[in-house]
N, C-alpha and C. Protein backbone atom coordinates (compact mmCIF):
# COMPACT_ATOMS: atom_id res chain seq x y z
N MET A 1 0.89 -1.02 0.16
CA MET A 1 0.02 0.10 -0.01
C MET A 1 0.92 1.25 -0.07
N PRO A 2 0.61 2.19 -0.90
CA PRO A 2 1.51 3.37 -0.91
C PRO A 2 1.41 4.23 0.25
N VAL A 3 2.38 4.94 0.61
CA VAL A 3 2.40 5.86 1.64
C VAL A 3 2.38 7.21 1.19
N ALA A 4 1.47 8.05 1.74
CA ALA A 4 1.23 9.36 1.42
C ALA A 4 1.97 10.34 2.41
N PHE A 5 2.78 11.30 1.82
CA PHE A 5 3.55 12.26 2.76
C PHE A 5 2.81 13.48 2.54
N PRO A 6 2.80 14.21 3.50
CA PRO A 6 2.19 15.60 3.48
C PRO A 6 3.24 16.53 2.71
N PRO A 7 2.50 17.21 1.73
CA PRO A 7 3.35 18.08 0.84
C PRO A 7 4.50 18.96 1.49
N ALA A 8 4.28 19.48 2.84
CA ALA A 8 5.24 20.08 3.50
C ALA A 8 6.56 19.30 3.70
N LEU A 9 6.20 18.13 4.08
CA LEU A 9 7.33 17.21 4.34
C LEU A 9 8.20 16.90 2.98
N LEU A 10 7.48 16.72 2.00
CA LEU A 10 8.09 16.50 0.79
C LEU A 10 8.87 17.71 0.37
N LEU A 11 8.54 18.92 0.52
CA LEU A 11 9.12 20.11 0.23
C LEU A 11 10.40 20.25 1.17
N SER A 12 10.23 19.97 2.41
CA SER A 12 11.40 20.10 3.29
C SER A 12 12.45 18.98 2.90
N ALA A 13 12.11 17.94 2.36
CA ALA A 13 13.09 16.88 1.84
C ALA A 13 13.82 17.46 0.65
N LEU A 14 13.12 18.02 -0.27
CA LEU A 14 13.63 18.56 -1.45
C LEU A 14 14.59 19.67 -1.17
N VAL A 15 14.23 20.48 -0.18
CA VAL A 15 15.25 21.68 0.15
C VAL A 15 16.27 21.14 0.71
N LEU A 16 16.27 20.08 1.61
CA LEU A 16 17.36 19.62 2.24
C LEU A 16 18.39 18.90 1.29
N GLN A 17 17.76 18.25 0.24
CA GLN A 17 18.57 17.46 -0.88
C GLN A 17 19.19 18.59 -1.65
N LEU A 18 18.58 19.70 -1.99
CA LEU A 18 19.15 20.64 -2.75
C LEU A 18 20.26 21.44 -2.19
N ALA A 19 20.08 21.58 -0.76
CA ALA A 19 21.15 22.20 0.03
C ALA A 19 22.58 21.82 -0.22
N GLY A 20 22.81 20.60 -0.32
CA GLY A 20 24.02 20.06 -0.59
C GLY A 20 24.36 19.97 -2.15
N SER A 21 23.55 20.48 -2.82
CA SER A 21 23.97 20.45 -4.37
C SER A 21 24.60 21.69 -4.87
N PRO A 22 25.43 21.57 -5.99
CA PRO A 22 25.88 22.73 -6.53
C PRO A 22 24.93 23.60 -7.24
N LEU A 23 23.60 23.28 -7.13
CA LEU A 23 22.54 24.25 -7.68
C LEU A 23 21.86 24.85 -6.50
N ALA A 24 22.31 24.62 -5.30
CA ALA A 24 21.76 25.26 -4.14
C ALA A 24 21.93 26.81 -4.21
N PRO A 25 21.00 27.71 -3.82
CA PRO A 25 21.17 29.05 -3.72
C PRO A 25 22.45 29.31 -2.77
N ARG A 26 23.02 30.56 -3.05
CA ARG A 26 24.24 30.84 -2.09
C ARG A 26 24.13 32.27 -1.66
N PRO A 27 24.69 32.48 -0.61
CA PRO A 27 24.59 33.92 -0.11
C PRO A 27 25.53 34.80 -1.01
N GLU A 28 25.35 36.15 -0.89
CA GLU A 28 26.12 37.08 -1.73
C GLU A 28 27.62 37.07 -1.33
N SER A 29 27.84 36.56 -0.16
CA SER A 29 29.28 36.55 0.30
C SER A 29 29.96 35.42 -0.33
N ALA A 30 29.40 34.64 -1.25
CA ALA A 30 30.06 33.74 -2.06
C ALA A 30 30.93 34.29 -3.04
N LEU A 31 30.44 35.55 -3.46
CA LEU A 31 31.14 36.28 -4.61
C LEU A 31 32.65 36.54 -4.17
N PRO A 32 33.43 36.62 -5.04
CA PRO A 32 34.95 36.95 -4.67
C PRO A 32 35.05 38.40 -3.99
N PRO A 33 35.90 38.50 -3.17
CA PRO A 33 36.06 39.91 -2.47
C PRO A 33 36.12 41.00 -3.46
N GLU A 34 36.96 40.83 -4.67
CA GLU A 34 37.17 41.88 -5.60
C GLU A 34 35.86 42.39 -6.16
N LEU A 35 34.69 41.54 -6.08
CA LEU A 35 33.48 41.99 -6.65
C LEU A 35 32.47 42.74 -5.78
N MET A 36 32.87 42.87 -4.39
CA MET A 36 31.89 43.31 -3.31
C MET A 36 31.78 44.77 -3.60
N PRO A 37 32.72 45.66 -3.94
CA PRO A 37 32.36 47.00 -4.17
C PRO A 37 31.41 47.24 -5.39
N LEU A 38 31.35 46.32 -6.34
CA LEU A 38 30.37 46.38 -7.34
C LEU A 38 29.04 45.91 -6.91
N LEU A 39 28.94 44.88 -6.11
CA LEU A 39 27.70 44.24 -5.50
C LEU A 39 27.12 45.44 -4.74
N ARG A 40 27.90 46.25 -3.92
CA ARG A 40 27.37 47.37 -2.99
C ARG A 40 26.90 48.59 -3.97
N ALA A 41 27.43 48.84 -5.07
CA ALA A 41 27.21 49.82 -6.00
C ALA A 41 25.84 49.51 -6.63
N LEU A 42 25.70 48.27 -7.06
CA LEU A 42 24.42 47.85 -7.68
C LEU A 42 23.24 47.91 -6.80
N LYS A 43 23.43 47.60 -5.60
CA LYS A 43 22.40 47.57 -4.53
C LYS A 43 22.05 49.04 -4.37
N ARG A 44 23.14 49.96 -4.16
CA ARG A 44 22.81 51.40 -3.95
C ARG A 44 22.18 51.99 -5.06
N HIS A 45 22.16 51.44 -6.20
CA HIS A 45 21.33 51.99 -7.43
C HIS A 45 20.07 51.22 -7.61
N GLY A 46 19.65 50.43 -6.67
CA GLY A 46 18.38 49.83 -6.73
C GLY A 46 18.30 48.51 -7.32
N PHE A 47 19.40 47.82 -7.62
CA PHE A 47 19.45 46.50 -8.14
C PHE A 47 19.50 45.55 -7.17
N ARG A 48 18.91 44.34 -7.42
CA ARG A 48 18.96 43.14 -6.58
C ARG A 48 19.84 41.98 -7.06
N VAL A 49 20.58 41.38 -6.30
CA VAL A 49 21.40 40.24 -6.79
C VAL A 49 20.99 39.02 -6.09
N ARG A 50 20.67 37.87 -6.87
CA ARG A 50 20.33 36.54 -6.54
C ARG A 50 21.38 35.45 -7.06
N ILE A 51 21.98 34.76 -6.06
CA ILE A 51 22.76 33.77 -6.48
C ILE A 51 21.86 32.37 -6.46
N ALA A 52 21.07 32.19 -7.38
CA ALA A 52 20.25 31.03 -7.34
C ALA A 52 19.90 30.76 -8.97
N LEU A 53 19.20 29.73 -9.19
CA LEU A 53 18.97 29.30 -10.57
C LEU A 53 18.23 30.47 -11.28
N PRO A 54 18.58 30.99 -12.45
CA PRO A 54 17.93 32.14 -13.05
C PRO A 54 16.62 31.54 -13.60
N PRO A 55 15.60 32.44 -13.81
CA PRO A 55 14.37 31.95 -14.37
C PRO A 55 14.48 31.37 -15.89
N ALA A 56 15.38 31.86 -16.62
CA ALA A 56 15.74 31.23 -17.90
C ALA A 56 16.51 29.93 -17.78
N ARG A 57 15.86 28.90 -18.43
CA ARG A 57 16.50 27.62 -18.35
C ARG A 57 17.90 27.65 -19.12
N ARG A 58 18.89 26.83 -18.69
CA ARG A 58 20.04 26.81 -19.27
C ARG A 58 20.90 27.97 -19.21
N ALA A 59 20.67 28.83 -18.44
CA ALA A 59 21.34 30.10 -18.40
C ALA A 59 22.16 30.15 -17.17
N TYR A 60 23.41 30.66 -17.18
CA TYR A 60 24.39 30.76 -16.25
C TYR A 60 24.06 32.05 -15.48
N GLY A 61 23.56 32.99 -16.08
CA GLY A 61 23.28 34.34 -15.56
C GLY A 61 22.05 34.90 -16.30
N GLN A 62 21.41 35.89 -15.63
CA GLN A 62 20.29 36.61 -16.34
C GLN A 62 20.05 37.99 -15.61
N TYR A 63 19.93 38.85 -16.40
CA TYR A 63 19.39 40.23 -15.89
C TYR A 63 17.90 40.44 -16.26
N GLU A 64 17.14 40.68 -15.29
CA GLU A 64 15.78 40.72 -15.32
C GLU A 64 15.24 42.16 -15.20
N PRO A 65 15.04 42.83 -16.28
CA PRO A 65 14.83 44.29 -16.04
C PRO A 65 13.68 44.63 -15.32
N ALA A 66 12.52 43.99 -15.38
CA ALA A 66 11.30 44.39 -14.64
C ALA A 66 11.49 44.45 -13.14
N SER A 67 12.33 43.39 -12.76
CA SER A 67 12.59 43.53 -11.23
C SER A 67 13.89 43.96 -10.76
N ARG A 68 14.72 44.41 -11.88
CA ARG A 68 16.05 45.01 -11.60
C ARG A 68 16.93 43.98 -10.85
N THR A 69 16.71 42.73 -11.21
CA THR A 69 17.38 41.54 -10.50
C THR A 69 18.57 40.95 -11.49
N LEU A 70 19.67 40.75 -10.92
CA LEU A 70 20.73 40.01 -11.57
C LEU A 70 20.65 38.76 -11.08
N TRP A 71 20.61 37.76 -11.76
CA TRP A 71 20.67 36.29 -11.38
C TRP A 71 21.91 35.70 -11.80
N LEU A 72 22.51 34.92 -10.83
CA LEU A 72 23.83 34.28 -10.99
C LEU A 72 23.59 32.85 -10.69
N SER A 73 23.74 31.80 -11.51
CA SER A 73 23.51 30.50 -11.20
C SER A 73 24.62 30.01 -10.44
N PRO A 74 24.29 29.27 -9.12
CA PRO A 74 25.29 28.65 -8.40
C PRO A 74 26.26 27.72 -9.22
N LEU A 75 25.71 27.08 -10.28
CA LEU A 75 26.61 26.33 -11.09
C LEU A 75 27.72 27.06 -11.73
N SER A 76 27.50 28.33 -11.89
CA SER A 76 28.67 29.24 -12.43
C SER A 76 30.01 29.16 -11.42
N PHE A 77 29.66 29.04 -10.17
CA PHE A 77 30.74 28.96 -9.30
C PHE A 77 31.56 27.48 -9.42
N GLU A 78 30.75 26.45 -9.79
CA GLU A 78 31.31 25.13 -9.84
C GLU A 78 32.09 25.15 -11.17
N LEU A 79 31.78 25.88 -12.15
CA LEU A 79 32.33 25.98 -13.48
C LEU A 79 33.52 26.82 -13.63
N GLY A 80 33.63 27.74 -12.51
CA GLY A 80 34.74 28.75 -12.55
C GLY A 80 34.40 29.85 -13.30
N ILE A 81 33.20 30.13 -13.57
CA ILE A 81 32.83 31.30 -14.33
C ILE A 81 32.00 32.37 -13.63
N ALA A 82 31.94 32.28 -12.41
CA ALA A 82 31.06 33.19 -11.58
C ALA A 82 31.48 34.59 -11.72
N ARG A 83 32.72 34.96 -11.62
CA ARG A 83 33.29 36.35 -11.91
C ARG A 83 32.63 36.80 -13.27
N GLN A 84 33.12 36.04 -14.32
CA GLN A 84 32.67 36.66 -15.57
C GLN A 84 31.12 36.83 -15.87
N THR A 85 30.46 35.75 -15.20
CA THR A 85 28.91 35.91 -15.32
C THR A 85 28.32 37.14 -14.65
N PHE A 86 28.79 37.27 -13.41
CA PHE A 86 28.43 38.46 -12.63
C PHE A 86 28.67 39.75 -13.29
N LEU A 87 29.90 39.84 -13.76
CA LEU A 87 30.28 41.14 -14.57
C LEU A 87 29.41 41.49 -15.75
N HIS A 88 29.12 40.24 -16.48
CA HIS A 88 28.37 40.22 -17.66
C HIS A 88 26.83 40.85 -17.30
N GLU A 89 26.29 40.38 -16.26
CA GLU A 89 25.04 40.58 -15.88
C GLU A 89 25.06 42.06 -15.37
N ALA A 90 26.13 42.50 -14.63
CA ALA A 90 26.13 43.90 -14.05
C ALA A 90 26.32 44.89 -15.41
N VAL A 91 26.93 44.51 -16.42
CA VAL A 91 26.89 45.36 -17.63
C VAL A 91 25.51 45.69 -18.12
N HIS A 92 24.58 44.67 -18.05
CA HIS A 92 23.24 44.83 -18.39
C HIS A 92 22.54 45.81 -17.42
N ALA A 93 22.83 45.66 -16.23
CA ALA A 93 22.30 46.51 -15.28
C ALA A 93 22.60 47.93 -15.57
N ALA A 94 23.91 48.12 -15.88
CA ALA A 94 24.34 49.51 -16.28
C ALA A 94 23.77 50.06 -17.60
N GLN A 95 23.52 49.15 -18.37
CA GLN A 95 23.04 49.44 -19.78
C GLN A 95 21.60 49.99 -19.61
N SER A 96 20.89 49.63 -18.55
CA SER A 96 19.47 49.95 -18.25
C SER A 96 19.32 51.37 -17.59
N CYS A 97 20.51 51.84 -17.15
CA CYS A 97 20.40 53.10 -16.41
C CYS A 97 19.91 54.50 -16.96
N PRO A 98 20.38 54.63 -18.17
CA PRO A 98 20.19 56.00 -18.84
C PRO A 98 18.79 56.63 -18.41
N ASP A 99 17.71 55.88 -18.73
CA ASP A 99 16.33 56.20 -18.41
C ASP A 99 15.50 55.23 -17.83
N GLY A 100 16.15 54.11 -17.43
CA GLY A 100 15.30 53.09 -16.76
C GLY A 100 14.33 52.34 -17.43
N ARG A 101 14.22 52.56 -18.80
CA ARG A 101 13.21 51.87 -19.58
C ARG A 101 13.87 51.18 -20.84
N VAL A 102 14.94 51.51 -21.30
CA VAL A 102 15.55 50.99 -22.40
C VAL A 102 17.04 50.67 -22.04
N LEU A 103 17.37 49.55 -22.51
CA LEU A 103 18.79 49.16 -22.39
C LEU A 103 19.71 49.61 -23.63
N ARG A 104 20.50 50.43 -23.31
CA ARG A 104 21.49 51.12 -24.26
C ARG A 104 22.97 50.71 -24.08
N PRO A 105 23.58 50.52 -25.12
CA PRO A 105 25.09 50.31 -24.96
C PRO A 105 25.78 51.40 -24.27
N ILE A 106 26.73 51.12 -23.55
CA ILE A 106 27.46 52.08 -22.89
C ILE A 106 28.52 52.77 -23.82
N GLY A 107 28.96 51.98 -24.79
CA GLY A 107 29.78 52.68 -25.69
C GLY A 107 31.36 52.35 -25.50
N TRP A 108 31.68 51.30 -24.71
CA TRP A 108 33.00 51.09 -24.50
C TRP A 108 33.68 50.50 -25.81
N THR A 109 34.90 50.81 -26.03
CA THR A 109 35.83 50.29 -27.11
C THR A 109 36.83 49.34 -26.19
N LEU A 110 36.70 48.17 -26.25
CA LEU A 110 37.55 47.45 -25.44
C LEU A 110 38.44 46.54 -26.29
N PRO A 111 39.67 46.36 -25.72
CA PRO A 111 40.67 45.50 -26.45
C PRO A 111 40.31 44.07 -26.30
N LEU A 112 40.32 43.38 -27.45
CA LEU A 112 40.14 41.88 -27.47
C LEU A 112 40.97 41.28 -28.33
N GLN A 113 41.48 40.06 -27.79
CA GLN A 113 42.31 39.19 -28.70
C GLN A 113 41.45 38.71 -29.89
N PRO A 114 42.04 38.58 -31.08
CA PRO A 114 41.24 38.16 -32.31
C PRO A 114 40.45 36.91 -31.95
N VAL A 115 41.03 36.00 -31.38
CA VAL A 115 40.36 34.62 -31.03
C VAL A 115 39.21 34.87 -30.21
N VAL A 116 39.34 35.78 -29.13
CA VAL A 116 38.15 36.09 -28.33
C VAL A 116 37.10 36.81 -29.06
N ARG A 117 37.48 37.69 -29.97
CA ARG A 117 36.39 38.55 -30.67
C ARG A 117 35.83 37.48 -31.55
N ASN A 118 36.36 36.54 -32.24
CA ASN A 118 35.62 35.57 -33.13
C ASN A 118 34.76 34.69 -32.18
N GLU A 119 35.13 34.23 -31.01
CA GLU A 119 34.32 33.46 -30.31
C GLU A 119 32.96 34.18 -29.80
N ILE A 120 33.20 35.43 -29.48
CA ILE A 120 32.05 36.22 -29.10
C ILE A 120 31.20 36.50 -30.37
N SER A 121 31.64 36.75 -31.46
CA SER A 121 30.89 36.87 -32.62
C SER A 121 30.14 35.50 -32.88
N GLY A 122 30.74 34.30 -32.70
CA GLY A 122 30.03 33.07 -32.88
C GLY A 122 28.93 32.87 -32.02
N LEU A 123 29.19 33.26 -30.79
CA LEU A 123 28.07 33.17 -29.65
C LEU A 123 26.93 34.03 -30.11
N LEU A 124 27.22 35.33 -30.42
CA LEU A 124 26.21 36.17 -30.73
C LEU A 124 25.38 35.72 -31.78
N LEU A 125 25.94 35.30 -32.92
CA LEU A 125 25.19 34.80 -34.07
C LEU A 125 24.34 33.58 -33.83
N ASN A 126 24.86 32.69 -33.01
CA ASN A 126 24.18 31.41 -32.86
C ASN A 126 23.14 31.36 -31.59
N ALA A 127 23.28 32.29 -30.56
CA ALA A 127 22.54 32.21 -29.59
C ALA A 127 21.73 33.43 -29.18
N TYR A 128 21.87 34.53 -29.90
CA TYR A 128 20.99 35.84 -29.58
C TYR A 128 20.55 36.36 -30.76
N GLY A 129 19.31 37.08 -30.49
CA GLY A 129 18.53 37.69 -31.53
C GLY A 129 19.34 39.03 -31.89
N ALA A 130 19.01 39.54 -33.14
CA ALA A 130 19.65 40.64 -33.66
C ALA A 130 19.37 41.93 -32.76
N HIS A 131 18.23 41.91 -31.93
CA HIS A 131 17.95 43.21 -31.21
C HIS A 131 18.89 43.22 -30.03
N SER A 132 19.41 42.20 -29.49
CA SER A 132 20.32 42.27 -28.32
C SER A 132 21.78 41.92 -28.60
N ARG A 133 22.11 41.87 -29.74
CA ARG A 133 23.53 41.54 -30.04
C ARG A 133 24.55 42.61 -29.66
N VAL A 134 24.23 43.95 -29.84
CA VAL A 134 25.11 45.01 -29.62
C VAL A 134 25.29 44.92 -28.01
N LEU A 135 24.10 44.82 -27.27
CA LEU A 135 24.25 44.75 -25.86
C LEU A 135 24.95 43.53 -25.35
N GLU A 136 24.86 42.43 -25.79
CA GLU A 136 25.52 41.18 -25.42
C GLU A 136 27.01 41.22 -25.81
N GLN A 137 27.30 41.89 -26.94
CA GLN A 137 28.69 42.01 -27.37
C GLN A 137 29.47 42.93 -26.36
N GLU A 138 28.78 43.94 -25.90
CA GLU A 138 29.48 44.68 -24.78
C GLU A 138 29.61 43.96 -23.68
N ALA A 139 28.69 43.30 -23.21
CA ALA A 139 28.74 42.54 -21.98
C ALA A 139 29.87 41.34 -22.04
N PHE A 140 29.93 40.74 -23.04
CA PHE A 140 30.83 39.59 -23.36
C PHE A 140 32.25 40.19 -23.37
N ALA A 141 32.43 41.32 -24.01
CA ALA A 141 33.83 41.95 -24.12
C ALA A 141 34.30 42.44 -22.72
N LEU A 142 33.39 42.96 -21.95
CA LEU A 142 33.72 43.52 -20.61
C LEU A 142 34.06 42.34 -19.59
N GLN A 143 33.35 41.34 -19.70
CA GLN A 143 33.51 40.32 -18.61
C GLN A 143 34.92 39.72 -18.50
N GLY A 144 35.76 39.81 -19.50
CA GLY A 144 37.20 39.27 -19.30
C GLY A 144 38.17 40.51 -19.23
N GLN A 145 37.72 41.61 -19.07
CA GLN A 145 38.65 42.77 -18.93
C GLN A 145 39.30 42.68 -17.52
N PRO A 146 40.54 42.96 -17.35
CA PRO A 146 41.09 43.19 -15.97
C PRO A 146 40.43 44.43 -15.20
N ASP A 147 40.20 45.47 -15.88
CA ASP A 147 39.75 46.63 -15.15
C ASP A 147 38.21 46.59 -15.29
N ALA A 148 37.51 45.45 -15.22
CA ALA A 148 36.11 45.48 -15.45
C ALA A 148 35.41 46.13 -14.22
N VAL A 149 35.75 45.88 -13.01
CA VAL A 149 35.14 46.30 -11.92
C VAL A 149 35.09 47.95 -11.97
N PRO A 150 36.32 48.55 -11.83
CA PRO A 150 36.30 50.03 -12.04
C PRO A 150 35.51 50.67 -13.08
N ARG A 151 35.57 49.94 -14.24
CA ARG A 151 34.67 50.50 -15.37
C ARG A 151 33.29 50.37 -15.05
N LEU A 152 32.80 49.28 -14.60
CA LEU A 152 31.40 49.20 -14.23
C LEU A 152 30.94 50.19 -13.07
N LEU A 153 31.92 50.40 -12.08
CA LEU A 153 31.65 51.37 -11.01
C LEU A 153 31.35 52.66 -11.59
N ARG A 154 32.28 53.19 -12.43
CA ARG A 154 32.19 54.52 -13.19
C ARG A 154 30.97 54.55 -13.89
N ALA A 155 30.55 53.55 -14.75
CA ALA A 155 29.47 53.47 -15.53
C ALA A 155 28.17 53.62 -14.75
N LEU A 156 28.19 52.90 -13.58
CA LEU A 156 26.92 53.04 -12.71
C LEU A 156 26.68 54.44 -12.25
N GLU A 157 27.97 55.05 -11.68
CA GLU A 157 27.83 56.42 -11.24
C GLU A 157 27.36 57.47 -12.38
N GLN A 158 27.98 57.34 -13.54
CA GLN A 158 27.66 58.18 -14.58
C GLN A 158 26.29 58.12 -15.27
N ARG A 159 25.94 56.77 -15.27
CA ARG A 159 24.56 56.55 -15.94
C ARG A 159 23.38 56.37 -14.86
N CYS A 160 23.57 55.93 -13.74
CA CYS A 160 22.60 55.85 -12.77
C CYS A 160 22.44 57.05 -11.86
N GLY A 161 23.58 57.76 -11.61
CA GLY A 161 23.60 58.82 -10.68
C GLY A 161 23.17 58.47 -9.23
N GLY A 162 22.62 59.31 -8.57
CA GLY A 162 22.00 59.09 -7.27
C GLY A 162 20.70 58.31 -7.21
N ARG A 163 20.10 58.22 -8.46
CA ARG A 163 18.68 57.69 -8.41
C ARG A 163 18.78 56.14 -8.47
N LYS A 164 17.84 55.69 -8.10
CA LYS A 164 17.64 54.17 -8.11
C LYS A 164 17.12 53.79 -9.51
N ALA A 165 17.71 52.72 -9.99
CA ALA A 165 17.21 52.44 -11.22
C ALA A 165 15.90 51.91 -11.35
N SER A 166 15.12 52.06 -12.34
CA SER A 166 13.76 51.61 -12.50
C SER A 166 13.72 50.48 -13.61
N GLY A 167 12.59 49.70 -13.76
CA GLY A 167 12.44 48.77 -14.69
C GLY A 167 12.95 49.12 -15.98
N ALA A 168 13.42 48.24 -16.88
CA ALA A 168 13.98 48.45 -18.05
C ALA A 168 13.65 47.41 -19.18
N HIS A 169 13.65 47.64 -20.28
CA HIS A 169 13.38 46.65 -21.38
C HIS A 169 14.07 46.93 -22.65
N ILE A 170 14.34 45.93 -23.46
CA ILE A 170 14.92 46.27 -24.72
C ILE A 170 13.80 46.69 -25.81
N ARG A 171 14.03 47.78 -26.31
CA ARG A 171 13.12 48.31 -27.38
C ARG A 171 13.28 47.52 -28.65
N ASN A 172 12.58 46.56 -28.93
CA ASN A 172 12.80 45.71 -30.10
C ASN A 172 11.43 45.36 -30.88
N GLY A 173 10.53 46.28 -30.75
CA GLY A 173 9.30 45.92 -31.40
C GLY A 173 8.30 45.39 -30.44
N THR A 174 8.54 45.20 -29.38
CA THR A 174 7.60 44.44 -28.32
C THR A 174 6.72 45.55 -27.95
N ALA A 175 5.51 45.12 -27.47
CA ALA A 175 4.49 45.99 -27.01
C ALA A 175 5.09 46.86 -25.79
N ALA A 176 4.66 48.06 -25.62
CA ALA A 176 4.99 48.88 -24.42
C ALA A 176 4.72 48.06 -23.21
N GLY A 177 5.51 48.06 -22.25
CA GLY A 177 5.39 47.45 -21.01
C GLY A 177 5.97 45.93 -20.97
N GLN A 178 6.16 45.31 -22.15
CA GLN A 178 6.64 44.06 -22.11
C GLN A 178 8.26 44.03 -21.93
N VAL A 179 8.57 43.14 -21.02
CA VAL A 179 10.10 43.09 -20.69
C VAL A 179 10.71 41.65 -21.28
N LYS A 180 11.88 41.95 -21.96
CA LYS A 180 12.66 40.76 -22.40
C LYS A 180 14.00 40.57 -21.58
N PRO A 181 14.02 39.64 -20.70
CA PRO A 181 15.11 39.44 -19.97
C PRO A 181 16.33 39.00 -20.65
N LEU A 182 17.52 39.43 -20.26
CA LEU A 182 18.80 39.04 -21.03
C LEU A 182 19.51 37.98 -20.20
N ALA A 183 19.69 36.83 -20.82
CA ALA A 183 20.38 35.69 -20.15
C ALA A 183 21.64 35.34 -20.80
N LEU A 184 22.61 34.92 -19.91
CA LEU A 184 23.94 34.47 -20.41
C LEU A 184 23.84 32.90 -20.58
N ALA A 185 23.74 32.53 -21.81
CA ALA A 185 23.68 31.06 -22.04
C ALA A 185 24.92 30.68 -22.98
N VAL A 186 25.50 29.59 -22.70
CA VAL A 186 26.51 29.07 -23.32
C VAL A 186 26.05 27.92 -24.21
N PRO A 187 26.02 27.98 -25.63
CA PRO A 187 25.52 26.87 -26.40
C PRO A 187 26.46 25.67 -26.15
N GLY A 188 25.96 24.51 -26.18
CA GLY A 188 26.61 23.27 -26.12
C GLY A 188 26.83 22.89 -24.59
N LEU A 189 26.75 23.94 -23.58
CA LEU A 189 26.83 23.48 -22.24
C LEU A 189 25.46 23.47 -21.66
N ARG A 190 25.07 22.34 -20.99
CA ARG A 190 23.75 22.24 -20.53
C ARG A 190 23.70 22.37 -18.96
N GLN A 191 22.91 23.19 -18.48
CA GLN A 191 22.71 23.36 -17.05
C GLN A 191 21.74 22.20 -16.70
N PRO A 192 21.87 21.41 -15.60
CA PRO A 192 20.97 20.50 -15.23
C PRO A 192 19.64 21.24 -14.89
N SER A 193 18.50 20.64 -15.21
CA SER A 193 17.24 21.24 -14.68
C SER A 193 16.71 20.59 -13.58
């Protein structure tokens, strides 16, 4: 005869099982110390940071304009890409700052090795729509720069000022009020569901 367990007990068991998993949410303190000034600046400008599975499946990071939330998958820590993923999503937060409604490129001209430039071009063509390629190109280019944190701190101050950021979306022919989240996904790599 099957045994029925109360839903609360099943949920508790699932939480306990997930707690030891590389997919378990992590505290913000899991970020490397060098990123803490950027985390504080993002919060000061009204952004939230969650180290938990992003809403977009198979994404290592995601910026959700409607809620001003940067998502960083715990799996990115296991893969050794947490720093790059956090910086990538922070670029999107800064891109949303000029008016809080539309993501706009910051306008950085960043040095890239030809092989890195080619890899970014391939990712953009295969995984992103035309409406977000310029934004994504800027985020991918910055995430590997040694001076990424100071650049982002300056961009947040210049673009966000003392105001809290408000909801943003990409203007790409969507109806007013619709929001399209930006997610960092790596083709060929699968994140467990």
